[in-house]
Amino acid sequence: MMDPTTDTAGYTGDASTAHASLESLRAEIAKAVVGQDPAVTGLVVALLCRGHVLLEGVPGVAKTLLVRALAAALELDTKRVQFTPDLMPSDITGSLVYDARTAEFSFQPGPVFTHLLLADEINRTPPKTQSALLEAMEERQVTVDGTPRPLPEPFLVAATQNPVEYEGTYPLPEAQLDRFLLKLTIPLPSRQDEIDVLTRHAEGFDPRDLRAAGVRPVADAAVLENARAAVAAVTVSPDITGYVVDLCRATRESPSLALGVSPRGATALLATSRAWAWLTGRDYVTPDDVKALALPTLRHRVRLRPEAEMEGVTADSVINAILAHVPVPR
């Protein structure tokens, strides 16, 4: 870890220390997860922006292990909820429980009262239960019986989902998708990465015991707060603001899209671009920062027209086309 007094890439004091600590996250998580650097970076960006992440991939590509390793490396509390068709909203948020000894109702907190909530296979539960997370994600509180109860800070929902073409899944409604800051796709590993995974398991790696795998805390909530303060100081020129707006407005005019990016999405892209600029060692945002975060920030905020979908068009291909055509500020 760097000395707190060191001046590195324009940052001093606590900000420099926070930057060094978060940079070391990738190596720490790699002790448990092979070859998912983009997803690790996306989760860190979400923490810096106080956002939430949707992880999509086929079963068995280490989505759950990735989130657990992140929590261990950041020394954060984490809880996991397996979303099933019979899951009730109170199973997530908590409920009032009658105490026969006192003849009173007391609140029993649900698993949402944690720093890092892993909502596993969120699209396997009906919309009523999916929507139970909306208040927690947006307001960072849970209201039961008219009483709001604040959630811990930091608080991040990392929801995993299988591709919607799988049986027994319920597509998330647009209102909830818009609450996720990023949608990260977790690909199948390369041949060499898969060999590394099998080799680790043959040598005794146990995904349920991250401490035995050598994963150690390299940052904590205080480091995150210092990093967030540094990200808030990253400057954005009027040209960059205009570029973000132009990209988002172009999605609303695309003939392939039935739903474009809302102003909330534009705000999200600006925030993630600032976080990425800080992580790469700058205190100002460039067009390349915006381009780097455009796909994960916007892909879940647009909806394809049925005819475009039938022709094989994807949200990513539409956004890439827009990135290629919208003029870049000099």
C-alpha atoms as a PDB file:
ATOM      1  CA  MET A   1       0.000   0.000   0.000  1.00  0.00           C
ATOM      2  CA  MET A   2       1.253   3.466  -0.841  1.00  0.00           C
ATOM      3  CA  ASP A   3       2.309   5.957   1.808  1.00  0.00           C
ATOM      4  CA  PRO A   4      -0.620   8.306   2.604  1.00  0.00           C
ATOM      5  CA  THR A   5       1.587  11.318   1.980  1.00  0.00           C
ATOM      6  CA  THR A   6       2.638  10.208  -1.480  1.00  0.00           C
ATOM      7  CA  ASP A   7       1.490  12.258  -4.479  1.00  0.00           C
ATOM      8  CA  THR A   8       0.431   9.783  -7.169  1.00  0.00           C
ATOM      9  CA  ALA A   9      -1.266  10.615 -10.482  1.00  0.00           C
ATOM     10  CA  GLY A  10      -2.485  13.924  -9.103  1.00  0.00           C
ATOM     11  CA  TYR A  11      -3.899  12.477  -5.863  1.00  0.00           C
ATOM     12  CA  THR A  12      -2.595  13.006  -2.352  1.00  0.00           C
ATOM     13  CA  GLY A  13      -3.250  11.759   1.160  1.00  0.00           C
ATOM     14  CA  ASP A  14      -6.230   9.500   1.737  1.00  0.00           C
ATOM     15  CA  ALA A  15      -7.253   9.569  -1.926  1.00  0.00           C
ATOM     16  CA  SER A  16      -3.882   8.159  -2.998  1.00  0.00           C
ATOM     17  CA  THR A  17      -4.102   5.396  -0.407  1.00  0.00           C
ATOM     18  CA  ALA A  18      -7.648   4.552  -1.482  1.00  0.00           C
ATOM     19  CA  HIS A  19      -6.543   4.422  -5.115  1.00  0.00           C
ATOM     20  CA  ALA A  20      -3.731   1.989  -4.315  1.00  0.00           C
ATOM     21  CA  SER A  21      -6.011  -0.195  -2.197  1.00  0.00           C
ATOM     22  CA  LEU A  22      -8.686  -0.502  -4.893  1.00  0.00           C
ATOM     23  CA  GLU A  23      -6.045  -1.176  -7.533  1.00  0.00           C
ATOM     24  CA  SER A  24      -4.926  -4.206  -5.496  1.00  0.00           C
ATOM     25  CA  LEU A  25      -8.463  -5.621  -5.461  1.00  0.00           C
ATOM     26  CA  ARG A  26      -8.008  -7.283  -8.846  1.00  0.00           C
ATOM     27  CA  ALA A  27      -5.043  -9.354  -7.676  1.00  0.00           C
ATOM     28  CA  GLU A  28      -6.807 -10.309  -4.457  1.00  0.00           C
ATOM     29  CA  ILE A  29     -10.004 -11.483  -6.146  1.00  0.00           C
ATOM     30  CA  ALA A  30      -7.945 -13.366  -8.758  1.00  0.00           C
ATOM     31  CA  LYS A  31      -6.928 -15.736  -5.954  1.00  0.00           C
ATOM     32  CA  ALA A  32     -10.470 -17.112  -6.090  1.00  0.00           C
ATOM     33  CA  VAL A  33     -11.832 -16.125  -9.531  1.00  0.00           C
ATOM     34  CA  VAL A  34      -9.997 -16.737 -12.800  1.00  0.00           C
ATOM     35  CA  GLY A  35     -10.159 -14.275 -15.685  1.00  0.00           C
ATOM     36  CA  GLN A  36     -13.037 -11.920 -14.832  1.00  0.00           C
ATOM     37  CA  ASP A  37     -11.167  -8.590 -14.636  1.00  0.00           C
ATOM     38  CA  PRO A  38     -13.853  -6.522 -16.461  1.00  0.00           C
ATOM     39  CA  ALA A  39     -16.522  -7.721 -14.023  1.00  0.00           C
ATOM     40  CA  VAL A  40     -14.302  -6.911 -11.031  1.00  0.00           C
ATOM     41  CA  THR A  41     -13.720  -3.410 -12.386  1.00  0.00           C
ATOM     42  CA  GLY A  42     -17.451  -2.955 -12.977  1.00  0.00           C
ATOM     43  CA  LEU A  43     -18.280  -3.906  -9.398  1.00  0.00           C
ATOM     44  CA  VAL A  44     -15.701  -1.430  -8.076  1.00  0.00           C
ATOM     45  CA  VAL A  45     -17.133   1.315 -10.310  1.00  0.00           C
ATOM     46  CA  ALA A  46     -20.597   0.570  -8.922  1.00  0.00           C
ATOM     47  CA  LEU A  47     -19.343   0.834  -5.333  1.00  0.00           C
ATOM     48  CA  LEU A  48     -17.685   4.170  -6.105  1.00  0.00           C
ATOM     49  CA  CYS A  49     -20.939   5.473  -7.629  1.00  0.00           C
ATOM     50  CA  ARG A  50     -23.239   4.028  -4.931  1.00  0.00           C
ATOM     51  CA  GLY A  51     -24.916   1.954  -7.629  1.00  0.00           C
ATOM     52  CA  HIS A  52     -26.066  -1.621  -8.136  1.00  0.00           C
ATOM     53  CA  VAL A  53     -24.978  -4.284 -10.604  1.00  0.00           C
ATOM     54  CA  LEU A  54     -26.789  -6.864 -12.706  1.00  0.00           C
ATOM     55  CA  LEU A  55     -24.583  -9.836 -13.611  1.00  0.00           C
ATOM     56  CA  GLU A  56     -25.762 -11.947 -16.538  1.00  0.00           C
ATOM     57  CA  GLY A  57     -24.320 -15.259 -17.632  1.00  0.00           C
ATOM     58  CA  VAL A  58     -25.079 -18.929 -17.929  1.00  0.00           C
ATOM     59  CA  PRO A  59     -24.983 -20.996 -14.721  1.00  0.00           C
ATOM     60  CA  GLY A  60     -21.548 -22.031 -13.516  1.00  0.00           C
ATOM     61  CA  VAL A  61     -19.356 -19.085 -14.595  1.00  0.00           C
ATOM     62  CA  ALA A  62     -18.516 -17.965 -11.020  1.00  0.00           C
ATOM     63  CA  LYS A  63     -20.970 -15.058 -10.695  1.00  0.00           C
ATOM     64  CA  THR A  64     -21.698 -15.895  -7.051  1.00  0.00           C
ATOM     65  CA  LEU A  65     -18.053 -16.586  -6.237  1.00  0.00           C
ATOM     66  CA  LEU A  66     -17.061 -13.237  -7.745  1.00  0.00           C
ATOM     67  CA  VAL A  67     -19.384 -11.301  -5.438  1.00  0.00           C
ATOM     68  CA  ARG A  68     -18.314 -13.277  -2.370  1.00  0.00           C
ATOM     69  CA  ALA A  69     -14.650 -12.695  -3.165  1.00  0.00           C
ATOM     70  CA  LEU A  70     -15.275  -8.955  -3.565  1.00  0.00           C
ATOM     71  CA  ALA A  71     -16.962  -8.807  -0.157  1.00  0.00           C
ATOM     72  CA  ALA A  72     -14.065 -10.680   1.448  1.00  0.00           C
ATOM     73  CA  ALA A  73     -11.461  -8.408  -0.150  1.00  0.00           C
ATOM     74  CA  LEU A  74     -13.339  -5.285   1.000  1.00  0.00           C
ATOM     75  CA  GLU A  75     -14.123  -6.610   4.491  1.00  0.00           C
ATOM     76  CA  LEU A  76     -17.844  -6.035   3.984  1.00  0.00           C
ATOM     77  CA  ASP A  77     -20.778  -7.991   5.347  1.00  0.00           C
ATOM     78  CA  THR A  78     -22.566  -9.994   2.687  1.00  0.00           C
ATOM     79  CA  LYS A  79     -25.738 -12.060   2.501  1.00  0.00           C
ATOM     80  CA  ARG A  80     -27.142 -14.206  -0.263  1.00  0.00           C
ATOM     81  CA  VAL A  81     -30.767 -14.723  -1.291  1.00  0.00           C
ATOM     82  CA  GLN A  82     -31.681 -17.476  -3.739  1.00  0.00           C
ATOM     83  CA  PHE A  83     -34.613 -16.101  -5.727  1.00  0.00           C
ATOM     84  CA  THR A  84     -37.242 -18.773  -6.409  1.00  0.00           C
ATOM     85  CA  PRO A  85     -40.834 -18.661  -7.738  1.00  0.00           C
ATOM     86  CA  ASP A  86     -42.272 -18.941  -4.200  1.00  0.00           C
ATOM     87  CA  LEU A  87     -40.083 -16.254  -2.586  1.00  0.00           C
ATOM     88  CA  MET A  88     -42.117 -13.555  -0.808  1.00  0.00           C
ATOM     89  CA  PRO A  89     -41.183  -9.855  -0.463  1.00  0.00           C
ATOM     90  CA  SER A  90     -40.946 -10.179   3.323  1.00  0.00           C
ATOM     91  CA  ASP A  91     -38.345 -12.920   2.838  1.00  0.00           C
ATOM     92  CA  ILE A  92     -36.055 -10.158   1.544  1.00  0.00           C
ATOM     93  CA  THR A  93     -36.991  -7.041   3.498  1.00  0.00           C
ATOM     94  CA  GLY A  94     -37.971  -8.578   6.834  1.00  0.00           C
ATOM     95  CA  SER A  95     -41.263  -8.480   8.696  1.00  0.00           C
ATOM     96  CA  LEU A  96     -42.981  -7.800  12.005  1.00  0.00           C
ATOM     97  CA  VAL A  97     -42.936 -10.808  14.314  1.00  0.00           C
ATOM     98  CA  TYR A  98     -45.245 -11.212  17.299  1.00  0.00           C
ATOM     99  CA  ASP A  99     -43.448 -11.789  20.588  1.00  0.00           C
ATOM    100  CA  ALA A 100     -45.728 -13.717  22.959  1.00  0.00           C
ATOM    101  CA  ARG A 101     -43.615 -12.768  25.979  1.00  0.00           C
ATOM    102  CA  THR A 102     -44.062  -9.016  25.506  1.00  0.00           C
ATOM    103  CA  ALA A 103     -47.368  -9.191  23.603  1.00  0.00           C
ATOM    104  CA  GLU A 104     -45.825  -6.811  21.044  1.00  0.00           C
ATOM    105  CA  PHE A 105     -44.671  -6.944  17.441  1.00  0.00           C
ATOM    106  CA  SER A 106     -40.965  -6.509  16.771  1.00  0.00           C
ATOM    107  CA  PHE A 107     -39.175  -6.076  13.467  1.00  0.00           C
ATOM    108  CA  GLN A 108     -37.084  -8.988  12.260  1.00  0.00           C
ATOM    109  CA  PRO A 109     -34.625  -7.645   9.642  1.00  0.00           C
ATOM    110  CA  GLY A 110     -34.380  -9.537   6.375  1.00  0.00           C
ATOM    111  CA  PRO A 111     -31.199 -10.324   4.447  1.00  0.00           C
ATOM    112  CA  VAL A 112     -31.332  -6.950   2.678  1.00  0.00           C
ATOM    113  CA  PHE A 113     -29.828  -5.430   5.834  1.00  0.00           C
ATOM    114  CA  THR A 114     -26.219  -5.973   4.800  1.00  0.00           C
ATOM    115  CA  HIS A 115     -23.466  -4.196   2.878  1.00  0.00           C
ATOM    116  CA  LEU A 116     -23.407  -6.455  -0.154  1.00  0.00           C
ATOM    117  CA  LEU A 117     -26.580  -8.313  -1.054  1.00  0.00           C
ATOM    118  CA  LEU A 118     -26.229 -11.121  -3.554  1.00  0.00           C
ATOM    119  CA  ALA A 119     -29.598 -11.595  -5.238  1.00  0.00           C
ATOM    120  CA  ASP A 120     -28.979 -14.911  -6.945  1.00  0.00           C
ATOM    121  CA  GLU A 121     -31.004 -15.637 -10.110  1.00  0.00           C
ATOM    122  CA  ILE A 122     -33.241 -12.608  -9.560  1.00  0.00           C
ATOM    123  CA  ASN A 123     -35.208 -13.330 -12.734  1.00  0.00           C
ATOM    124  CA  ARG A 124     -36.460 -16.677 -11.402  1.00  0.00           C
ATOM    125  CA  THR A 125     -38.903 -14.955  -9.039  1.00  0.00           C
ATOM    126  CA  PRO A 126     -42.145 -13.171 -10.040  1.00  0.00           C
ATOM    127  CA  PRO A 127     -42.247  -9.370 -10.476  1.00  0.00           C
ATOM    128  CA  LYS A 128     -43.971  -8.792  -7.104  1.00  0.00           C
ATOM    129  CA  THR A 129     -40.934 -10.095  -5.249  1.00  0.00           C
ATOM    130  CA  GLN A 130     -38.482  -8.469  -7.663  1.00  0.00           C
ATOM    131  CA  SER A 131     -40.078  -5.112  -6.908  1.00  0.00           C
ATOM    132  CA  ALA A 132     -39.480  -5.590  -3.166  1.00  0.00           C
ATOM    133  CA  LEU A 133     -35.913  -4.512  -3.851  1.00  0.00           C
ATOM    134  CA  LEU A 134     -36.878  -1.239  -5.556  1.00  0.00           C
ATOM    135  CA  GLU A 135     -37.146   0.890  -2.409  1.00  0.00           C
ATOM    136  CA  ALA A 136     -33.983  -0.614  -0.967  1.00  0.00           C
ATOM    137  CA  MET A 137     -32.026   0.067  -4.149  1.00  0.00           C
ATOM    138  CA  GLU A 138     -33.291   3.600  -4.727  1.00  0.00           C
ATOM    139  CA  GLU A 139     -33.930   4.978  -1.237  1.00  0.00           C
ATOM    140  CA  ARG A 140     -31.491   2.750   0.686  1.00  0.00           C
ATOM    141  CA  GLN A 141     -34.148   2.018   3.239  1.00  0.00           C
ATOM    142  CA  VAL A 142     -36.928  -0.476   3.911  1.00  0.00           C
ATOM    143  CA  THR A 143     -40.395   0.613   5.032  1.00  0.00           C
ATOM    144  CA  VAL A 144     -42.379  -1.931   7.047  1.00  0.00           C
ATOM    145  CA  ASP A 145     -45.656  -0.977   8.736  1.00  0.00           C
ATOM    146  CA  GLY A 146     -45.074   2.673   7.826  1.00  0.00           C
ATOM    147  CA  THR A 147     -41.675   2.874   9.543  1.00  0.00           C
ATOM    148  CA  PRO A 148     -38.621   3.530   7.337  1.00  0.00           C
ATOM    149  CA  ARG A 149     -35.496   1.656   8.378  1.00  0.00           C
ATOM    150  CA  PRO A 150     -32.158   2.751   6.864  1.00  0.00           C
ATOM    151  CA  LEU A 151     -29.839   0.189   5.322  1.00  0.00           C
ATOM    152  CA  PRO A 152     -26.128  -0.051   6.165  1.00  0.00           C
ATOM    153  CA  GLU A 153     -23.599   2.018   4.242  1.00  0.00           C
ATOM    154  CA  PRO A 154     -22.097   1.070   1.849  1.00  0.00           C
ATOM    155  CA  PHE A 155     -24.957  -0.893   0.321  1.00  0.00           C
ATOM    156  CA  LEU A 156     -24.846  -2.643  -3.039  1.00  0.00           C
ATOM    157  CA  VAL A 157     -27.184  -5.145  -4.675  1.00  0.00           C
ATOM    158  CA  ALA A 158     -25.366  -7.542  -6.973  1.00  0.00           C
ATOM    159  CA  ALA A 159     -28.091  -9.456  -8.777  1.00  0.00           C
ATOM    160  CA  THR A 160     -27.304 -12.416 -10.991  1.00  0.00           C
ATOM    161  CA  GLN A 161     -29.597 -13.584 -13.750  1.00  0.00           C
ATOM    162  CA  ASN A 162     -29.629 -16.253 -16.399  1.00  0.00           C
ATOM    163  CA  PRO A 163     -30.324 -15.177 -19.988  1.00  0.00           C
ATOM    164  CA  VAL A 164     -34.082 -14.720 -20.400  1.00  0.00           C
ATOM    165  CA  GLU A 165     -34.343 -17.460 -22.994  1.00  0.00           C
ATOM    166  CA  TYR A 166     -33.786 -20.013 -20.227  1.00  0.00           C
ATOM    167  CA  GLU A 167     -36.899 -21.775 -18.935  1.00  0.00           C
ATOM    168  CA  GLY A 168     -38.612 -20.495 -15.802  1.00  0.00           C
ATOM    169  CA  THR A 169     -37.350 -16.901 -15.961  1.00  0.00           C
ATOM    170  CA  TYR A 170     -39.250 -13.615 -15.632  1.00  0.00           C
ATOM    171  CA  PRO A 171     -37.742 -10.648 -17.524  1.00  0.00           C
ATOM    172  CA  LEU A 172     -37.101  -7.730 -15.178  1.00  0.00           C
ATOM    173  CA  PRO A 173     -39.425  -4.746 -15.779  1.00  0.00           C
ATOM    174  CA  GLU A 174     -37.874  -1.583 -17.229  1.00  0.00           C
ATOM    175  CA  ALA A 175     -38.472   0.348 -13.996  1.00  0.00           C
ATOM    176  CA  GLN A 176     -36.293  -2.071 -12.080  1.00  0.00           C
ATOM    177  CA  LEU A 177     -33.662  -2.483 -14.775  1.00  0.00           C
ATOM    178  CA  ASP A 178     -33.173   1.292 -14.701  1.00  0.00           C
ATOM    179  CA  ARG A 179     -32.242   1.049 -11.005  1.00  0.00           C
ATOM    180  CA  PHE A 180     -29.160  -1.006 -11.843  1.00  0.00           C
ATOM    181  CA  LEU A 181     -26.174   1.201 -12.556  1.00  0.00           C
ATOM    182  CA  LEU A 182     -24.414  -1.448 -14.665  1.00  0.00           C
ATOM    183  CA  LYS A 183     -25.242  -4.649 -16.460  1.00  0.00           C
ATOM    184  CA  LEU A 184     -22.171  -6.849 -16.762  1.00  0.00           C
ATOM    185  CA  THR A 185     -22.095  -9.938 -18.948  1.00  0.00           C
ATOM    186  CA  ILE A 186     -20.040 -12.822 -17.579  1.00  0.00           C
ATOM    187  CA  PRO A 187     -18.683 -14.850 -20.519  1.00  0.00           C
ATOM    188  CA  LEU A 188     -17.624 -18.466 -20.565  1.00  0.00           C
ATOM    189  CA  PRO A 189     -13.902 -18.739 -19.772  1.00  0.00           C
ATOM    190  CA  SER A 190     -11.251 -19.191 -22.407  1.00  0.00           C
ATOM    191  CA  ARG A 191      -9.670 -22.622 -22.761  1.00  0.00           C
ATOM    192  CA  GLN A 192      -6.602 -21.632 -20.725  1.00  0.00           C
ATOM    193  CA  ASP A 193      -8.713 -20.009 -17.988  1.00  0.00           C
ATOM    194  CA  GLU A 194     -10.823 -23.156 -17.773  1.00  0.00           C
ATOM    195  CA  ILE A 195      -7.671 -25.259 -17.446  1.00  0.00           C
ATOM    196  CA  ASP A 196      -6.536 -22.961 -14.613  1.00  0.00           C
ATOM    197  CA  VAL A 197      -9.887 -23.406 -12.859  1.00  0.00           C
ATOM    198  CA  LEU A 198      -9.684 -27.189 -13.038  1.00  0.00           C
ATOM    199  CA  THR A 199      -6.060 -27.150 -11.901  1.00  0.00           C
ATOM    200  CA  ARG A 200      -6.970 -25.117  -8.819  1.00  0.00           C
ATOM    201  CA  HIS A 201      -9.763 -27.523  -7.932  1.00  0.00           C
ATOM    202  CA  ALA A 202      -7.440 -30.498  -8.425  1.00  0.00           C
ATOM    203  CA  GLU A 203      -5.025 -28.849  -5.978  1.00  0.00           C
ATOM    204  CA  GLY A 204      -7.736 -28.563  -3.332  1.00  0.00           C
ATOM    205  CA  PHE A 205      -9.350 -25.155  -3.928  1.00  0.00           C
ATOM    206  CA  ASP A 206     -12.655 -24.881  -2.055  1.00  0.00           C
ATOM    207  CA  PRO A 207     -14.898 -22.023  -3.289  1.00  0.00           C
ATOM    208  CA  ARG A 208     -16.718 -22.095   0.074  1.00  0.00           C
ATOM    209  CA  ASP A 209     -13.502 -21.246   1.967  1.00  0.00           C
ATOM    210  CA  LEU A 210     -12.082 -18.029   0.546  1.00  0.00           C
ATOM    211  CA  ARG A 211      -9.736 -17.509   3.486  1.00  0.00           C
ATOM    212  CA  ALA A 212      -8.022 -20.807   2.719  1.00  0.00           C
ATOM    213  CA  ALA A 213      -7.651 -19.602  -0.864  1.00  0.00           C
ATOM    214  CA  GLY A 214      -5.669 -16.638   0.454  1.00  0.00           C
ATOM    215  CA  VAL A 215      -8.246 -13.877  -0.094  1.00  0.00           C
ATOM    216  CA  ARG A 216      -7.522 -11.127   2.440  1.00  0.00           C
ATOM    217  CA  PRO A 217      -9.112  -7.692   3.037  1.00  0.00           C
ATOM    218  CA  VAL A 218      -7.241  -4.947   1.179  1.00  0.00           C
ATOM    219  CA  ALA A 219      -9.786  -2.153   1.747  1.00  0.00           C
ATOM    220  CA  ASP A 220     -12.802  -1.329   3.888  1.00  0.00           C
ATOM    221  CA  ALA A 221     -15.746   1.061   4.146  1.00  0.00           C
ATOM    222  CA  ALA A 222     -13.491   3.982   5.151  1.00  0.00           C
ATOM    223  CA  VAL A 223     -11.327   3.479   2.063  1.00  0.00           C
ATOM    224  CA  LEU A 224     -14.459   3.479  -0.094  1.00  0.00           C
ATOM    225  CA  GLU A 225     -15.603   6.774   1.411  1.00  0.00           C
ATOM    226  CA  ASN A 226     -12.235   8.375   0.660  1.00  0.00           C
ATOM    227  CA  ALA A 227     -12.370   7.038  -2.888  1.00  0.00           C
ATOM    228  CA  ARG A 228     -15.917   8.336  -3.384  1.00  0.00           C
ATOM    229  CA  ALA A 229     -14.835  11.794  -2.246  1.00  0.00           C
ATOM    230  CA  ALA A 230     -12.001  11.717  -4.780  1.00  0.00           C
ATOM    231  CA  VAL A 231     -14.358  10.621  -7.580  1.00  0.00           C
ATOM    232  CA  ALA A 232     -16.699  13.495  -6.710  1.00  0.00           C
ATOM    233  CA  ALA A 233     -13.787  15.882  -7.337  1.00  0.00           C
ATOM    234  CA  VAL A 234     -13.162  14.584 -10.880  1.00  0.00           C
ATOM    235  CA  THR A 235     -13.916  17.428 -13.282  1.00  0.00           C
ATOM    236  CA  VAL A 236     -16.230  17.181 -16.288  1.00  0.00           C
ATOM    237  CA  SER A 237     -15.971  19.721 -19.102  1.00  0.00           C
ATOM    238  CA  PRO A 238     -19.098  21.082 -20.832  1.00  0.00           C
ATOM    239  CA  ASP A 239     -18.008  19.263 -24.009  1.00  0.00           C
ATOM    240  CA  ILE A 240     -18.047  15.910 -22.199  1.00  0.00           C
ATOM    241  CA  THR A 241     -21.451  16.640 -20.675  1.00  0.00           C
ATOM    242  CA  GLY A 242     -22.779  17.447 -24.137  1.00  0.00           C
ATOM    243  CA  TYR A 243     -21.247  14.247 -25.527  1.00  0.00           C
ATOM    244  CA  VAL A 244     -23.013  12.114 -22.898  1.00  0.00           C
ATOM    245  CA  VAL A 245     -26.323  13.834 -23.666  1.00  0.00           C
ATOM    246  CA  ASP A 246     -25.859  13.397 -27.429  1.00  0.00           C
ATOM    247  CA  LEU A 247     -25.187   9.660 -27.025  1.00  0.00           C
ATOM    248  CA  CYS A 248     -28.286   9.155 -24.903  1.00  0.00           C
ATOM    249  CA  ARG A 249     -30.507  11.242 -27.163  1.00  0.00           C
ATOM    250  CA  ALA A 250     -29.303   9.222 -30.151  1.00  0.00           C
ATOM    251  CA  THR A 251     -30.690   6.053 -28.545  1.00  0.00           C
ATOM    252  CA  ARG A 252     -34.141   7.680 -28.405  1.00  0.00           C
ATOM    253  CA  GLU A 253     -33.988   8.358 -32.141  1.00  0.00           C
ATOM    254  CA  SER A 254     -32.650   4.946 -33.191  1.00  0.00           C
ATOM    255  CA  PRO A 255     -35.054   3.077 -35.527  1.00  0.00           C
ATOM    256  CA  SER A 256     -33.975  -0.214 -33.898  1.00  0.00           C
ATOM    257  CA  LEU A 257     -35.073   0.798 -30.403  1.00  0.00           C
ATOM    258  CA  ALA A 258     -38.572   1.018 -28.941  1.00  0.00           C
ATOM    259  CA  LEU A 259     -37.171   2.546 -25.741  1.00  0.00           C
ATOM    260  CA  GLY A 260     -34.113   4.777 -25.489  1.00  0.00           C
ATOM    261  CA  VAL A 261     -31.983   5.866 -22.556  1.00  0.00           C
ATOM    262  CA  SER A 262     -33.712   8.107 -20.007  1.00  0.00           C
ATOM    263  CA  PRO A 263     -32.133  11.157 -18.332  1.00  0.00           C
ATOM    264  CA  ARG A 264     -31.408   8.878 -15.352  1.00  0.00           C
ATOM    265  CA  GLY A 265     -29.327   6.763 -17.721  1.00  0.00           C
ATOM    266  CA  ALA A 266     -27.411   9.840 -18.895  1.00  0.00           C
ATOM    267  CA  THR A 267     -26.677  10.737 -15.274  1.00  0.00           C
ATOM    268  CA  ALA A 268     -25.488   7.166 -14.667  1.00  0.00           C
ATOM    269  CA  LEU A 269     -23.126   7.285 -17.663  1.00  0.00           C
ATOM    270  CA  LEU A 270     -21.612  10.526 -16.432  1.00  0.00           C
ATOM    271  CA  ALA A 271     -21.099   9.046 -12.948  1.00  0.00           C
ATOM    272  CA  THR A 272     -19.502   5.814 -14.157  1.00  0.00           C
ATOM    273  CA  SER A 273     -17.228   7.748 -16.534  1.00  0.00           C
ATOM    274  CA  ARG A 274     -15.961   9.848 -13.620  1.00  0.00           C
ATOM    275  CA  ALA A 275     -15.288   6.737 -11.535  1.00  0.00           C
ATOM    276  CA  TRP A 276     -13.434   5.088 -14.428  1.00  0.00           C
ATOM    277  CA  ALA A 277     -11.354   8.243 -15.001  1.00  0.00           C
ATOM    278  CA  TRP A 278     -10.304   8.227 -11.338  1.00  0.00           C
ATOM    279  CA  LEU A 279      -9.475   4.516 -11.375  1.00  0.00           C
ATOM    280  CA  THR A 280      -7.235   5.059 -14.403  1.00  0.00           C
ATOM    281  CA  GLY A 281      -5.373   7.851 -12.596  1.00  0.00           C
ATOM    282  CA  ARG A 282      -6.912  11.079 -13.871  1.00  0.00           C
ATOM    283  CA  ASP A 283      -8.913  13.861 -12.263  1.00  0.00           C
ATOM    284  CA  TYR A 284     -10.811  14.737 -15.451  1.00  0.00           C
ATOM    285  CA  VAL A 285     -13.071  12.803 -17.842  1.00  0.00           C
ATOM    286  CA  THR A 286     -12.195  12.128 -21.480  1.00  0.00           C
ATOM    287  CA  PRO A 287     -14.407  10.849 -24.324  1.00  0.00           C
ATOM    288  CA  ASP A 288     -12.614   7.490 -24.047  1.00  0.00           C
ATOM    289  CA  ASP A 289     -13.869   7.166 -20.459  1.00  0.00           C
ATOM    290  CA  VAL A 290     -17.435   7.661 -21.682  1.00  0.00           C
ATOM    291  CA  LYS A 291     -16.939   5.104 -24.466  1.00  0.00           C
ATOM    292  CA  ALA A 292     -15.431   2.565 -22.061  1.00  0.00           C
ATOM    293  CA  LEU A 293     -18.506   2.619 -19.792  1.00  0.00           C
ATOM    294  CA  ALA A 294     -21.227   3.151 -22.411  1.00  0.00           C
ATOM    295  CA  LEU A 295     -22.078  -0.521 -22.980  1.00  0.00           C
ATOM    296  CA  PRO A 296     -22.339  -1.716 -19.362  1.00  0.00           C
ATOM    297  CA  THR A 297     -24.147   1.475 -18.309  1.00  0.00           C
ATOM    298  CA  LEU A 298     -26.662   1.678 -21.167  1.00  0.00           C
ATOM    299  CA  ARG A 299     -27.284  -1.836 -22.568  1.00  0.00           C
ATOM    300  CA  HIS A 300     -30.049  -2.657 -20.058  1.00  0.00           C
ATOM    301  CA  ARG A 301     -31.739   0.752 -20.379  1.00  0.00           C
ATOM    302  CA  VAL A 302     -32.844   0.294 -23.985  1.00  0.00           C
ATOM    303  CA  ARG A 303     -35.464  -1.998 -25.497  1.00  0.00           C
ATOM    304  CA  LEU A 304     -35.237  -3.374 -29.006  1.00  0.00           C
ATOM    305  CA  ARG A 305     -38.126  -3.262 -31.452  1.00  0.00           C
ATOM    306  CA  PRO A 306     -39.447  -6.779 -32.167  1.00  0.00           C
ATOM    307  CA  GLU A 307     -38.572  -6.542 -35.856  1.00  0.00           C
ATOM    308  CA  ALA A 308     -34.986  -5.527 -35.042  1.00  0.00           C
ATOM    309  CA  GLU A 309     -34.674  -8.395 -32.584  1.00  0.00           C
ATOM    310  CA  MET A 310     -35.873 -10.837 -35.238  1.00  0.00           C
ATOM    311  CA  GLU A 311     -33.135  -9.581 -37.549  1.00  0.00           C
ATOM    312  CA  GLY A 312     -30.479 -10.419 -34.950  1.00  0.00           C
ATOM    313  CA  VAL A 313     -29.857  -6.862 -33.769  1.00  0.00           C
ATOM    314  CA  THR A 314     -28.669  -6.584 -30.151  1.00  0.00           C
ATOM    315  CA  ALA A 315     -28.594  -3.709 -27.676  1.00  0.00           C
ATOM    316  CA  ASP A 316     -24.797  -3.794 -27.735  1.00  0.00           C
ATOM    317  CA  SER A 317     -24.663  -3.538 -31.536  1.00  0.00           C
ATOM    318  CA  VAL A 318     -27.013  -0.534 -31.517  1.00  0.00           C
ATOM    319  CA  ILE A 319     -24.981   1.270 -28.846  1.00  0.00           C
ATOM    320  CA  ASN A 320     -21.715   0.509 -30.670  1.00  0.00           C
ATOM    321  CA  ALA A 321     -23.194   1.962 -33.858  1.00  0.00           C
ATOM    322  CA  ILE A 322     -24.220   5.105 -31.989  1.00  0.00           C
ATOM    323  CA  LEU A 323     -20.726   5.424 -30.483  1.00  0.00           C
ATOM    324  CA  ALA A 324     -19.310   5.222 -34.007  1.00  0.00           C
ATOM    325  CA  HIS A 325     -21.589   7.937 -35.416  1.00  0.00           C
ATOM    326  CA  VAL A 326     -22.018  10.552 -32.678  1.00  0.00           C
ATOM    327  CA  PRO A 327     -19.289  13.232 -33.074  1.00  0.00           C
ATOM    328  CA  VAL A 328     -16.588  13.038 -30.410  1.00  0.00           C
ATOM    329  CA  PRO A 329     -15.544  16.338 -28.787  1.00  0.00           C
ATOM    330  CA  ARG A 330     -11.971  17.425 -29.453  1.00  0.00           C
END
